[in-house]
């Protein structure tokens, strides 16, 4: 990973939403191992290169702990997406993940 600066974030982020089979679910309960209490934002020239997590997340590579950032967030200036990062970390995209958190969360299909 090529970066020249790192922001250490100690926000507590509890997963809230899950996308599964193109349907939206509210996450009702979550195992403590899935609660984010630290992550690093790696920057190069003030642009986001990657996000490293220190806990489990279905959209995080288990070998590198690197979160799978959406394409539209990569290489964006930190000032423009800093507030969106906690939101994106609170969403599970189970349609495209490294593992499914079944047994670690309870959820309910969202009615619109």
PDB file of N, CA and C in Angstrom:
ATOM      1  N   UNK A   1       0.855  -1.173   0.000  1.00  0.00           N
ATOM      2  CA  UNK A   1       0.000   0.000   0.000  1.00  0.00           C
ATOM      3  C   UNK A   1       0.897   1.231   0.000  1.00  0.00           C
ATOM      4  N   UNK A   2       0.616   2.105  -0.904  1.00  0.00           N
ATOM      5  CA  UNK A   2       1.444   3.287  -1.081  1.00  0.00           C
ATOM      6  C   UNK A   2       0.697   4.522  -0.561  1.00  0.00           C
ATOM      7  N   UNK A   3       1.148   5.058   0.572  1.00  0.00           N
ATOM      8  CA  UNK A   3       0.535   6.261   1.127  1.00  0.00           C
ATOM      9  C   UNK A   3       1.597   7.077   1.841  1.00  0.00           C
ATOM     10  N   UNK A   4       1.328   8.373   2.040  1.00  0.00           N
ATOM     11  CA  UNK A   4       2.300   9.238   2.697  1.00  0.00           C
ATOM     12  C   UNK A   4       1.795   9.825   4.014  1.00  0.00           C
ATOM     13  N   UNK A   5       0.546   9.527   4.367  1.00  0.00           N
ATOM     14  CA  UNK A   5      -0.020  10.026   5.617  1.00  0.00           C
ATOM     15  C   UNK A   5      -1.145   9.092   6.042  1.00  0.00           C
ATOM     16  N   UNK A   6      -1.425   9.104   7.334  1.00  0.00           N
ATOM     17  CA  UNK A   6      -2.471   8.233   7.857  1.00  0.00           C
ATOM     18  C   UNK A   6      -3.239   8.980   8.933  1.00  0.00           C
ATOM     19  N   UNK A   7      -4.562   8.921   8.845  1.00  0.00           N
ATOM     20  CA  UNK A   7      -5.422   9.497   9.881  1.00  0.00           C
ATOM     21  C   UNK A   7      -5.958   8.350  10.716  1.00  0.00           C
ATOM     22  N   UNK A   8      -5.720   8.390  12.017  1.00  0.00           N
ATOM     23  CA  UNK A   8      -6.220   7.356  12.923  1.00  0.00           C
ATOM     24  C   UNK A   8      -7.553   7.843  13.480  1.00  0.00           C
ATOM     25  N   UNK A   9      -8.604   7.082  13.201  1.00  0.00           N
ATOM     26  CA  UNK A   9      -9.958   7.463  13.602  1.00  0.00           C
ATOM     27  C   UNK A   9     -10.425   6.525  14.714  1.00  0.00           C
ATOM     28  N   UNK A  10     -10.996   7.097  15.765  1.00  0.00           N
ATOM     29  CA  UNK A  10     -11.487   6.269  16.879  1.00  0.00           C
ATOM     30  C   UNK A  10     -13.004   6.362  17.030  1.00  0.00           C
ATOM     31  N   UNK A  11     -13.697   6.640  15.924  1.00  0.00           N
ATOM     32  CA  UNK A  11     -15.157   6.654  15.943  1.00  0.00           C
ATOM     33  C   UNK A  11     -15.679   5.262  16.268  1.00  0.00           C
ATOM     34  N   UNK A  12     -16.781   5.202  16.977  1.00  0.00           N
ATOM     35  CA  UNK A  12     -17.467   3.929  17.191  1.00  0.00           C
ATOM     36  C   UNK A  12     -18.582   3.857  16.157  1.00  0.00           C
ATOM     37  N   UNK A  13     -18.506   2.814  15.331  1.00  0.00           N
ATOM     38  CA  UNK A  13     -19.467   2.654  14.242  1.00  0.00           C
ATOM     39  C   UNK A  13     -20.164   1.307  14.407  1.00  0.00           C
ATOM     40  N   UNK A  14     -21.462   1.363  14.560  1.00  0.00           N
ATOM     41  CA  UNK A  14     -22.270   0.157  14.693  1.00  0.00           C
ATOM     42  C   UNK A  14     -22.982  -0.076  13.362  1.00  0.00           C
ATOM     43  N   UNK A  15     -22.811  -1.249  12.765  1.00  0.00           N
ATOM     44  CA  UNK A  15     -23.467  -1.529  11.484  1.00  0.00           C
ATOM     45  C   UNK A  15     -24.979  -1.346  11.590  1.00  0.00           C
ATOM     46  N   UNK A  16     -25.557  -0.696  10.570  1.00  0.00           N
ATOM     47  CA  UNK A  16     -26.979  -0.361  10.619  1.00  0.00           C
ATOM     48  C   UNK A  16     -27.790  -0.904   9.457  1.00  0.00           C
ATOM     49  N   UNK A  17     -27.154  -1.070   8.294  1.00  0.00           N
ATOM     50  CA  UNK A  17     -27.880  -1.436   7.089  1.00  0.00           C
ATOM     51  C   UNK A  17     -27.140  -2.561   6.372  1.00  0.00           C
ATOM     52  N   UNK A  18     -27.923  -3.447   5.762  1.00  0.00           N
ATOM     53  CA  UNK A  18     -27.349  -4.533   4.976  1.00  0.00           C
ATOM     54  C   UNK A  18     -28.045  -4.578   3.624  1.00  0.00           C
ATOM     55  N   UNK A  19     -27.249  -4.702   2.570  1.00  0.00           N
ATOM     56  CA  UNK A  19     -27.758  -4.925   1.228  1.00  0.00           C
ATOM     57  C   UNK A  19     -27.532  -6.401   0.914  1.00  0.00           C
ATOM     58  N   UNK A  20     -28.610  -7.130   0.619  1.00  0.00           N
ATOM     59  CA  UNK A  20     -28.502  -8.560   0.346  1.00  0.00           C
ATOM     60  C   UNK A  20     -29.524  -8.931  -0.728  1.00  0.00           C
ATOM     61  N   UNK A  21     -29.042  -9.498  -1.812  1.00  0.00           N
ATOM     62  CA  UNK A  21     -29.882  -9.872  -2.949  1.00  0.00           C
ATOM     63  C   UNK A  21     -30.718  -8.686  -3.424  1.00  0.00           C
ATOM     64  N   UNK A  22     -30.036  -7.537  -3.491  1.00  0.00           N
ATOM     65  CA  UNK A  22     -30.651  -6.295  -3.968  1.00  0.00           C
ATOM     66  C   UNK A  22     -31.850  -5.849  -3.139  1.00  0.00           C
ATOM     67  N   UNK A  23     -31.880  -6.234  -1.882  1.00  0.00           N
ATOM     68  CA  UNK A  23     -32.904  -5.765  -0.948  1.00  0.00           C
ATOM     69  C   UNK A  23     -32.190  -5.108   0.229  1.00  0.00           C
ATOM     70  N   UNK A  24     -32.859  -4.171   0.872  1.00  0.00           N
ATOM     71  CA  UNK A  24     -32.285  -3.437   1.998  1.00  0.00           C
ATOM     72  C   UNK A  24     -32.855  -4.001   3.299  1.00  0.00           C
ATOM     73  N   UNK A  25     -31.965  -4.242   4.260  1.00  0.00           N
ATOM     74  CA  UNK A  25     -32.334  -4.749   5.575  1.00  0.00           C
ATOM     75  C   UNK A  25     -31.780  -3.819   6.635  1.00  0.00           C
ATOM     76  N   UNK A  26     -32.550  -3.623   7.698  1.00  0.00           N
ATOM     77  CA  UNK A  26     -32.047  -2.926   8.876  1.00  0.00           C
ATOM     78  C   UNK A  26     -31.380  -3.952   9.774  1.00  0.00           C
ATOM     79  N   UNK A  27     -30.180  -3.652  10.241  1.00  0.00           N
ATOM     80  CA  UNK A  27     -29.491  -4.524  11.188  1.00  0.00           C
ATOM     81  C   UNK A  27     -29.990  -4.158  12.576  1.00  0.00           C
ATOM     82  N   UNK A  28     -30.553  -5.137  13.275  1.00  0.00           N
ATOM     83  CA  UNK A  28     -31.162  -4.891  14.584  1.00  0.00           C
ATOM     84  C   UNK A  28     -30.187  -5.105  15.735  1.00  0.00           C
ATOM     85  N   UNK A  29     -29.419  -6.182  15.682  1.00  0.00           N
ATOM     86  CA  UNK A  29     -28.402  -6.452  16.700  1.00  0.00           C
ATOM     87  C   UNK A  29     -27.133  -6.911  15.997  1.00  0.00           C
ATOM     88  N   UNK A  30     -26.025  -6.697  16.662  1.00  0.00           N
ATOM     89  CA  UNK A  30     -24.731  -7.028  16.068  1.00  0.00           C
ATOM     90  C   UNK A  30     -23.787  -7.526  17.160  1.00  0.00           C
ATOM     91  N   UNK A  31     -23.013  -8.534  16.845  1.00  0.00           N
ATOM     92  CA  UNK A  31     -22.003  -9.041  17.757  1.00  0.00           C
ATOM     93  C   UNK A  31     -20.930  -7.974  17.979  1.00  0.00           C
ATOM     94  N   UNK A  32     -20.392  -7.930  19.181  1.00  0.00           N
ATOM     95  CA  UNK A  32     -19.374  -6.922  19.513  1.00  0.00           C
ATOM     96  C   UNK A  32     -18.167  -6.952  18.571  1.00  0.00           C
ATOM     97  N   UNK A  33     -17.856  -8.129  18.011  1.00  0.00           N
ATOM     98  CA  UNK A  33     -16.685  -8.236  17.124  1.00  0.00           C
ATOM     99  C   UNK A  33     -16.866  -7.445  15.830  1.00  0.00           C
ATOM    100  N   UNK A  34     -18.104  -7.049  15.527  1.00  0.00           N
ATOM    101  CA  UNK A  34     -18.385  -6.305  14.302  1.00  0.00           C
ATOM    102  C   UNK A  34     -18.508  -4.796  14.528  1.00  0.00           C
ATOM    103  N   UNK A  35     -18.403  -4.370  15.769  1.00  0.00           N
ATOM    104  CA  UNK A  35     -18.479  -2.936  16.068  1.00  0.00           C
ATOM    105  C   UNK A  35     -17.106  -2.312  15.818  1.00  0.00           C
ATOM    106  N   UNK A  36     -17.086  -1.314  14.971  1.00  0.00           N
ATOM    107  CA  UNK A  36     -15.823  -0.648  14.612  1.00  0.00           C
ATOM    108  C   UNK A  36     -15.500   0.387  15.684  1.00  0.00           C
ATOM    109  N   UNK A  37     -14.290   0.309  16.227  1.00  0.00           N
ATOM    110  CA  UNK A  37     -13.876   1.300  17.216  1.00  0.00           C
ATOM    111  C   UNK A  37     -12.543   1.959  16.854  1.00  0.00           C
ATOM    112  N   UNK A  38     -12.000   1.556  15.712  1.00  0.00           N
ATOM    113  CA  UNK A  38     -10.795   2.224  15.194  1.00  0.00           C
ATOM    114  C   UNK A  38     -10.628   1.848  13.736  1.00  0.00           C
ATOM    115  N   UNK A  39     -10.239   2.834  12.954  1.00  0.00           N
ATOM    116  CA  UNK A  39      -9.856   2.580  11.565  1.00  0.00           C
ATOM    117  C   UNK A  39      -8.870   3.653  11.144  1.00  0.00           C
ATOM    118  N   UNK A  40      -8.075   3.323  10.169  1.00  0.00           N
ATOM    119  CA  UNK A  40      -7.082   4.259   9.642  1.00  0.00           C
ATOM    120  C   UNK A  40      -7.466   4.643   8.218  1.00  0.00           C
ATOM    121  N   UNK A  41      -7.382   5.913   7.928  1.00  0.00           N
ATOM    122  CA  UNK A  41      -7.585   6.399   6.566  1.00  0.00           C
ATOM    123  C   UNK A  41      -6.196   6.693   6.001  1.00  0.00           C
ATOM    124  N   UNK A  42      -5.804   5.949   4.998  1.00  0.00           N
ATOM    125  CA  UNK A  42      -4.486   6.124   4.384  1.00  0.00           C
ATOM    126  C   UNK A  42      -4.604   7.102   3.218  1.00  0.00           C
ATOM    127  N   UNK A  43      -3.723   8.074   3.213  1.00  0.00           N
ATOM    128  CA  UNK A  43      -3.790   9.167   2.242  1.00  0.00           C
ATOM    129  C   UNK A  43      -2.501   9.273   1.438  1.00  0.00           C
ATOM    130  N   UNK A  44      -2.660   9.750   0.240  1.00  0.00           N
ATOM    131  CA  UNK A  44      -1.507  10.134  -0.579  1.00  0.00           C
ATOM    132  C   UNK A  44      -1.855  11.472  -1.193  1.00  0.00           C
ATOM    133  N   UNK A  45      -1.081  12.487  -0.831  1.00  0.00           N
ATOM    134  CA  UNK A  45      -1.338  13.859  -1.279  1.00  0.00           C
ATOM    135  C   UNK A  45      -2.756  14.300  -0.930  1.00  0.00           C
ATOM    136  N   UNK A  46      -3.166  13.969   0.288  1.00  0.00           N
ATOM    137  CA  UNK A  46      -4.470  14.350   0.842  1.00  0.00           C
ATOM    138  C   UNK A  46      -5.650  13.674   0.150  1.00  0.00           C
ATOM    139  N   UNK A  47      -5.382  12.629  -0.621  1.00  0.00           N
ATOM    140  CA  UNK A  47      -6.447  11.859  -1.262  1.00  0.00           C
ATOM    141  C   UNK A  47      -6.514  10.471  -0.633  1.00  0.00           C
ATOM    142  N   UNK A  48      -7.721   9.944  -0.492  1.00  0.00           N
ATOM    143  CA  UNK A  48      -7.924   8.648   0.151  1.00  0.00           C
ATOM    144  C   UNK A  48      -7.422   7.527  -0.757  1.00  0.00           C
ATOM    145  N   UNK A  49      -6.507   6.730  -0.204  1.00  0.00           N
ATOM    146  CA  UNK A  49      -5.967   5.576  -0.917  1.00  0.00           C
ATOM    147  C   UNK A  49      -6.652   4.301  -0.427  1.00  0.00           C
ATOM    148  N   UNK A  50      -6.815   4.186   0.894  1.00  0.00           N
ATOM    149  CA  UNK A  50      -7.454   2.999   1.459  1.00  0.00           C
ATOM    150  C   UNK A  50      -7.902   3.279   2.890  1.00  0.00           C
ATOM    151  N   UNK A  51      -8.702   2.348   3.394  1.00  0.00           N
ATOM    152  CA  UNK A  51      -9.137   2.383   4.792  1.00  0.00           C
ATOM    153  C   UNK A  51      -8.805   1.028   5.392  1.00  0.00           C
ATOM    154  N   UNK A  52      -8.126   1.054   6.523  1.00  0.00           N
ATOM    155  CA  UNK A  52      -7.739  -0.175   7.218  1.00  0.00           C
ATOM    156  C   UNK A  52      -8.581  -0.288   8.488  1.00  0.00           C
ATOM    157  N   UNK A  53      -9.216  -1.439   8.667  1.00  0.00           N
ATOM    158  CA  UNK A  53     -10.042  -1.685   9.851  1.00  0.00           C
ATOM    159  C   UNK A  53      -9.301  -2.578  10.846  1.00  0.00           C
ATOM    160  N   UNK A  54      -9.692  -2.489  12.102  1.00  0.00           N
ATOM    161  CA  UNK A  54      -9.077  -3.288  13.166  1.00  0.00           C
ATOM    162  C   UNK A  54     -10.087  -4.241  13.787  1.00  0.00           C
ATOM    163  N   UNK A  55     -11.105  -4.590  13.024  1.00  0.00           N
ATOM    164  CA  UNK A  55     -12.111  -5.557  13.472  1.00  0.00           C
ATOM    165  C   UNK A  55     -12.673  -6.230  12.227  1.00  0.00           C
ATOM    166  N   UNK A  56     -13.636  -7.110  12.421  1.00  0.00           N
ATOM    167  CA  UNK A  56     -14.252  -7.827  11.314  1.00  0.00           C
ATOM    168  C   UNK A  56     -15.279  -6.965  10.592  1.00  0.00           C
ATOM    169  N   UNK A  57     -15.337  -7.120   9.296  1.00  0.00           N
ATOM    170  CA  UNK A  57     -16.341  -6.448   8.453  1.00  0.00           C
ATOM    171  C   UNK A  57     -16.463  -7.296   7.185  1.00  0.00           C
ATOM    172  N   UNK A  58     -17.689  -7.627   6.767  1.00  0.00           N
ATOM    173  CA  UNK A  58     -17.846  -8.466   5.573  1.00  0.00           C
ATOM    174  C   UNK A  58     -17.193  -7.897   4.314  1.00  0.00           C
ATOM    175  N   UNK A  59     -17.050  -6.582   4.234  1.00  0.00           N
ATOM    176  CA  UNK A  59     -16.476  -5.951   3.052  1.00  0.00           C
ATOM    177  C   UNK A  59     -15.025  -5.533   3.260  1.00  0.00           C
ATOM    178  N   UNK A  60     -14.357  -6.244   4.140  1.00  0.00           N
ATOM    179  CA  UNK A  60     -12.961  -5.975   4.458  1.00  0.00           C
ATOM    180  C   UNK A  60     -12.148  -7.234   4.157  1.00  0.00           C
ATOM    181  N   UNK A  61     -11.060  -7.076   3.412  1.00  0.00           N
ATOM    182  CA  UNK A  61     -10.204  -8.203   3.088  1.00  0.00           C
ATOM    183  C   UNK A  61      -9.616  -8.775   4.382  1.00  0.00           C
ATOM    184  N   UNK A  62      -9.900 -10.036   4.709  1.00  0.00           N
ATOM    185  CA  UNK A  62      -9.406 -10.601   5.976  1.00  0.00           C
ATOM    186  C   UNK A  62      -7.888 -10.761   6.031  1.00  0.00           C
ATOM    187  N   UNK A  63      -7.220 -10.770   4.886  1.00  0.00           N
ATOM    188  CA  UNK A  63      -5.764 -10.905   4.873  1.00  0.00           C
ATOM    189  C   UNK A  63      -5.037  -9.588   5.077  1.00  0.00           C
ATOM    190  N   UNK A  64      -5.621  -8.498   4.588  1.00  0.00           N
ATOM    191  CA  UNK A  64      -4.954  -7.191   4.658  1.00  0.00           C
ATOM    192  C   UNK A  64      -5.667  -6.201   5.571  1.00  0.00           C
ATOM    193  N   UNK A  65      -6.899  -6.521   5.984  1.00  0.00           N
ATOM    194  CA  UNK A  65      -7.769  -5.633   6.770  1.00  0.00           C
ATOM    195  C   UNK A  65      -8.158  -4.376   5.992  1.00  0.00           C
ATOM    196  N   UNK A  66      -7.967  -4.389   4.680  1.00  0.00           N
ATOM    197  CA  UNK A  66      -8.327  -3.240   3.859  1.00  0.00           C
ATOM    198  C   UNK A  66      -9.812  -3.314   3.488  1.00  0.00           C
ATOM    199  N   UNK A  67     -10.520  -2.216   3.765  1.00  0.00           N
ATOM    200  CA  UNK A  67     -11.931  -2.103   3.431  1.00  0.00           C
ATOM    201  C   UNK A  67     -12.073  -1.880   1.928  1.00  0.00           C
ATOM    202  N   UNK A  68     -13.072  -2.504   1.333  1.00  0.00           N
ATOM    203  CA  UNK A  68     -13.321  -2.344  -0.108  1.00  0.00           C
ATOM    204  C   UNK A  68     -14.064  -1.043  -0.352  1.00  0.00           C
ATOM    205  N   UNK A  69     -13.314  -0.016  -0.614  1.00  0.00           N
ATOM    206  CA  UNK A  69     -13.898   1.297  -0.892  1.00  0.00           C
ATOM    207  C   UNK A  69     -14.621   1.288  -2.228  1.00  0.00           C
ATOM    208  N   UNK A  70     -15.778   1.919  -2.292  1.00  0.00           N
ATOM    209  CA  UNK A  70     -16.417   2.083  -3.594  1.00  0.00           C
ATOM    210  C   UNK A  70     -15.510   2.904  -4.510  1.00  0.00           C
ATOM    211  N   UNK A  71     -15.561   2.600  -5.779  1.00  0.00           N
ATOM    212  CA  UNK A  71     -14.714   3.279  -6.774  1.00  0.00           C
ATOM    213  C   UNK A  71     -14.831   4.801  -6.675  1.00  0.00           C
ATOM    214  N   UNK A  72     -16.051   5.294  -6.481  1.00  0.00           N
ATOM    215  CA  UNK A  72     -16.250   6.746  -6.465  1.00  0.00           C
ATOM    216  C   UNK A  72     -15.591   7.431  -5.266  1.00  0.00           C
ATOM    217  N   UNK A  73     -15.165   6.662  -4.260  1.00  0.00           N
ATOM    218  CA  UNK A  73     -14.507   7.264  -3.090  1.00  0.00           C
ATOM    219  C   UNK A  73     -12.984   7.228  -3.196  1.00  0.00           C
ATOM    220  N   UNK A  74     -12.451   6.353  -4.010  1.00  0.00           N
ATOM    221  CA  UNK A  74     -11.000   6.239  -4.125  1.00  0.00           C
ATOM    222  C   UNK A  74     -10.419   7.470  -4.799  1.00  0.00           C
ATOM    223  N   UNK A  75      -9.291   7.891  -4.279  1.00  0.00           N
ATOM    224  CA  UNK A  75      -8.544   9.035  -4.801  1.00  0.00           C
ATOM    225  C   UNK A  75      -9.300  10.354  -4.718  1.00  0.00           C
ATOM    226  N   UNK A  76     -10.275  10.421  -3.834  1.00  0.00           N
ATOM    227  CA  UNK A  76     -10.975  11.680  -3.573  1.00  0.00           C
ATOM    228  C   UNK A  76     -10.256  12.411  -2.445  1.00  0.00           C
ATOM    229  N   UNK A  77     -10.296  13.719  -2.458  1.00  0.00           N
ATOM    230  CA  UNK A  77      -9.704  14.486  -1.369  1.00  0.00           C
ATOM    231  C   UNK A  77     -10.449  14.164  -0.076  1.00  0.00           C
ATOM    232  N   UNK A  78      -9.705  13.994   0.989  1.00  0.00           N
ATOM    233  CA  UNK A  78     -10.281  13.593   2.273  1.00  0.00           C
ATOM    234  C   UNK A  78     -11.366  14.563   2.731  1.00  0.00           C
ATOM    235  N   UNK A  79     -11.186  15.844   2.476  1.00  0.00           N
ATOM    236  CA  UNK A  79     -12.177  16.828   2.923  1.00  0.00           C
ATOM    237  C   UNK A  79     -13.548  16.580   2.288  1.00  0.00           C
ATOM    238  N   UNK A  80     -13.576  16.059   1.083  1.00  0.00           N
ATOM    239  CA  UNK A  80     -14.844  15.892   0.375  1.00  0.00           C
ATOM    240  C   UNK A  80     -15.601  14.631   0.774  1.00  0.00           C
ATOM    241  N   UNK A  81     -14.908  13.636   1.366  1.00  0.00           N
ATOM    242  CA  UNK A  81     -15.614  12.391   1.708  1.00  0.00           C
ATOM    243  C   UNK A  81     -15.463  11.966   3.168  1.00  0.00           C
ATOM    244  N   UNK A  82     -14.753  12.763   3.967  1.00  0.00           N
ATOM    245  CA  UNK A  82     -14.491  12.363   5.355  1.00  0.00           C
ATOM    246  C   UNK A  82     -15.779  12.051   6.122  1.00  0.00           C
ATOM    247  N   UNK A  83     -16.812  12.847   5.947  1.00  0.00           N
ATOM    248  CA  UNK A  83     -18.068  12.615   6.672  1.00  0.00           C
ATOM    249  C   UNK A  83     -18.843  11.416   6.152  1.00  0.00           C
ATOM    250  N   UNK A  84     -18.577  10.989   4.926  1.00  0.00           N
ATOM    251  CA  UNK A  84     -19.274   9.838   4.352  1.00  0.00           C
ATOM    252  C   UNK A  84     -18.654   8.506   4.767  1.00  0.00           C
ATOM    253  N   UNK A  85     -17.420   8.519   5.217  1.00  0.00           N
ATOM    254  CA  UNK A  85     -16.729   7.271   5.547  1.00  0.00           C
ATOM    255  C   UNK A  85     -17.426   6.510   6.678  1.00  0.00           C
ATOM    256  N   UNK A  86     -17.788   7.136   7.805  1.00  0.00           N
ATOM    257  CA  UNK A  86     -18.503   6.363   8.831  1.00  0.00           C
ATOM    258  C   UNK A  86     -19.814   5.755   8.311  1.00  0.00           C
ATOM    259  N   UNK A  87     -20.497   6.472   7.434  1.00  0.00           N
ATOM    260  CA  UNK A  87     -21.741   5.950   6.867  1.00  0.00           C
ATOM    261  C   UNK A  87     -21.473   4.701   6.033  1.00  0.00           C
ATOM    262  N   UNK A  88     -20.494   4.754   5.163  1.00  0.00           N
ATOM    263  CA  UNK A  88     -20.206   3.614   4.296  1.00  0.00           C
ATOM    264  C   UNK A  88     -19.722   2.411   5.121  1.00  0.00           C
ATOM    265  N   UNK A  89     -19.019   2.669   6.225  1.00  0.00           N
ATOM    266  CA  UNK A  89     -18.570   1.576   7.084  1.00  0.00           C
ATOM    267  C   UNK A  89     -19.723   0.934   7.864  1.00  0.00           C
ATOM    268  N   UNK A  90     -20.833   1.641   7.993  1.00  0.00           N
ATOM    269  CA  UNK A  90     -21.981   1.097   8.736  1.00  0.00           C
ATOM    270  C   UNK A  90     -22.920   0.289   7.846  1.00  0.00           C
ATOM    271  N   UNK A  91     -22.555   0.121   6.576  1.00  0.00           N
ATOM    272  CA  UNK A  91     -23.375  -0.620   5.618  1.00  0.00           C
ATOM    273  C   UNK A  91     -22.644  -1.892   5.204  1.00  0.00           C
ATOM    274  N   UNK A  92     -23.366  -3.007   5.221  1.00  0.00           N
ATOM    275  CA  UNK A  92     -22.821  -4.276   4.732  1.00  0.00           C
ATOM    276  C   UNK A  92     -23.384  -4.550   3.346  1.00  0.00           C
ATOM    277  N   UNK A  93     -22.510  -4.769   2.378  1.00  0.00           N
ATOM    278  CA  UNK A  93     -22.923  -5.182   1.047  1.00  0.00           C
ATOM    279  C   UNK A  93     -22.659  -6.685   0.942  1.00  0.00           C
ATOM    280  N   UNK A  94     -23.656  -7.476   1.275  1.00  0.00           N
ATOM    281  CA  UNK A  94     -23.491  -8.924   1.315  1.00  0.00           C
ATOM    282  C   UNK A  94     -23.471  -9.512  -0.101  1.00  0.00           C
ATOM    283  N   UNK A  95     -23.968  -8.775  -1.076  1.00  0.00           N
ATOM    284  CA  UNK A  95     -23.919  -9.250  -2.459  1.00  0.00           C
ATOM    285  C   UNK A  95     -22.499  -9.292  -3.010  1.00  0.00           C
ATOM    286  N   UNK A  96     -21.575  -8.606  -2.350  1.00  0.00           N
ATOM    287  CA  UNK A  96     -20.189  -8.561  -2.807  1.00  0.00           C
ATOM    288  C   UNK A  96     -19.288  -8.454  -1.574  1.00  0.00           C
ATOM    289  N   UNK A  97     -19.073  -9.598  -0.912  1.00  0.00           N
ATOM    290  CA  UNK A  97     -18.336  -9.556   0.357  1.00  0.00           C
ATOM    291  C   UNK A  97     -17.366 -10.732   0.469  1.00  0.00           C
ATOM    292  N   UNK A  98     -16.510 -10.655   1.472  1.00  0.00           N
ATOM    293  CA  UNK A  98     -15.553 -11.731   1.742  1.00  0.00           C
ATOM    294  C   UNK A  98     -16.177 -12.848   2.564  1.00  0.00           C
ATOM    295  N   UNK A  99     -17.113 -12.514   3.429  1.00  0.00           N
ATOM    296  CA  UNK A  99     -17.821 -13.515   4.221  1.00  0.00           C
ATOM    297  C   UNK A  99     -19.167 -12.934   4.635  1.00  0.00           C
ATOM    298  N   UNK A 100     -20.087 -13.799   4.980  1.00  0.00           N
ATOM    299  CA  UNK A 100     -21.415 -13.372   5.437  1.00  0.00           C
ATOM    300  C   UNK A 100     -21.464 -13.440   6.957  1.00  0.00           C
ATOM    301  N   UNK A 101     -22.023 -12.433   7.612  1.00  0.00           N
ATOM    302  CA  UNK A 101     -22.022 -12.381   9.080  1.00  0.00           C
ATOM    303  C   UNK A 101     -23.186 -13.127   9.733  1.00  0.00           C
ATOM    304  N   UNK A 102     -23.704 -14.164   9.058  1.00  0.00           N
ATOM    305  CA  UNK A 102     -24.846 -14.893   9.624  1.00  0.00           C
ATOM    306  C   UNK A 102     -24.480 -15.439  10.992  1.00  0.00           C
ATOM    307  N   UNK A 103     -25.394 -15.294  11.922  1.00  0.00           N
ATOM    308  CA  UNK A 103     -25.165 -15.713  13.297  1.00  0.00           C
ATOM    309  C   UNK A 103     -24.559 -14.614  14.160  1.00  0.00           C
ATOM    310  N   UNK A 104     -24.035 -13.570  13.543  1.00  0.00           N
ATOM    311  CA  UNK A 104     -23.441 -12.459  14.282  1.00  0.00           C
ATOM    312  C   UNK A 104     -24.334 -11.220  14.273  1.00  0.00           C
ATOM    313  N   UNK A 105     -25.358 -11.238  13.435  1.00  0.00           N
ATOM    314  CA  UNK A 105     -26.300 -10.116  13.354  1.00  0.00           C
ATOM    315  C   UNK A 105     -27.724 -10.645  13.294  1.00  0.00           C
ATOM    316  N   UNK A 106     -28.671  -9.794  13.692  1.00  0.00           N
ATOM    317  CA  UNK A 106     -30.073 -10.036  13.379  1.00  0.00           C
ATOM    318  C   UNK A 106     -30.524  -8.865  12.526  1.00  0.00           C
ATOM    319  N   UNK A 107     -31.484  -9.114  11.665  1.00  0.00           N
ATOM    320  CA  UNK A 107     -31.870  -8.096  10.703  1.00  0.00           C
ATOM    321  C   UNK A 107     -33.325  -8.280  10.295  1.00  0.00           C
ATOM    322  N   UNK A 108     -33.865  -7.232   9.691  1.00  0.00           N
ATOM    323  CA  UNK A 108     -35.243  -7.236   9.246  1.00  0.00           C
ATOM    324  C   UNK A 108     -35.316  -6.481   7.925  1.00  0.00           C
ATOM    325  N   UNK A 109     -36.071  -7.052   6.966  1.00  0.00           N
ATOM    326  CA  UNK A 109     -36.225  -6.395   5.675  1.00  0.00           C
ATOM    327  C   UNK A 109     -36.910  -5.042   5.875  1.00  0.00           C
ATOM    328  N   UNK A 110     -36.354  -4.048   5.226  1.00  0.00           N
ATOM    329  CA  UNK A 110     -36.898  -2.692   5.346  1.00  0.00           C
ATOM    330  C   UNK A 110     -38.138  -2.554   4.459  1.00  0.00           C
ATOM    331  N   UNK A 111     -39.186  -1.998   5.036  1.00  0.00           N
ATOM    332  CA  UNK A 111     -40.396  -1.691   4.296  1.00  0.00           C
ATOM    333  C   UNK A 111     -40.344  -0.237   3.866  1.00  0.00           C
ATOM    334  N   UNK A 112     -40.487   0.002   2.603  1.00  0.00           N
ATOM    335  CA  UNK A 112     -40.447   1.387   2.105  1.00  0.00           C
ATOM    336  C   UNK A 112     -41.814   1.920   1.896  1.00  0.00           C
TER     337      UNK A 112
END
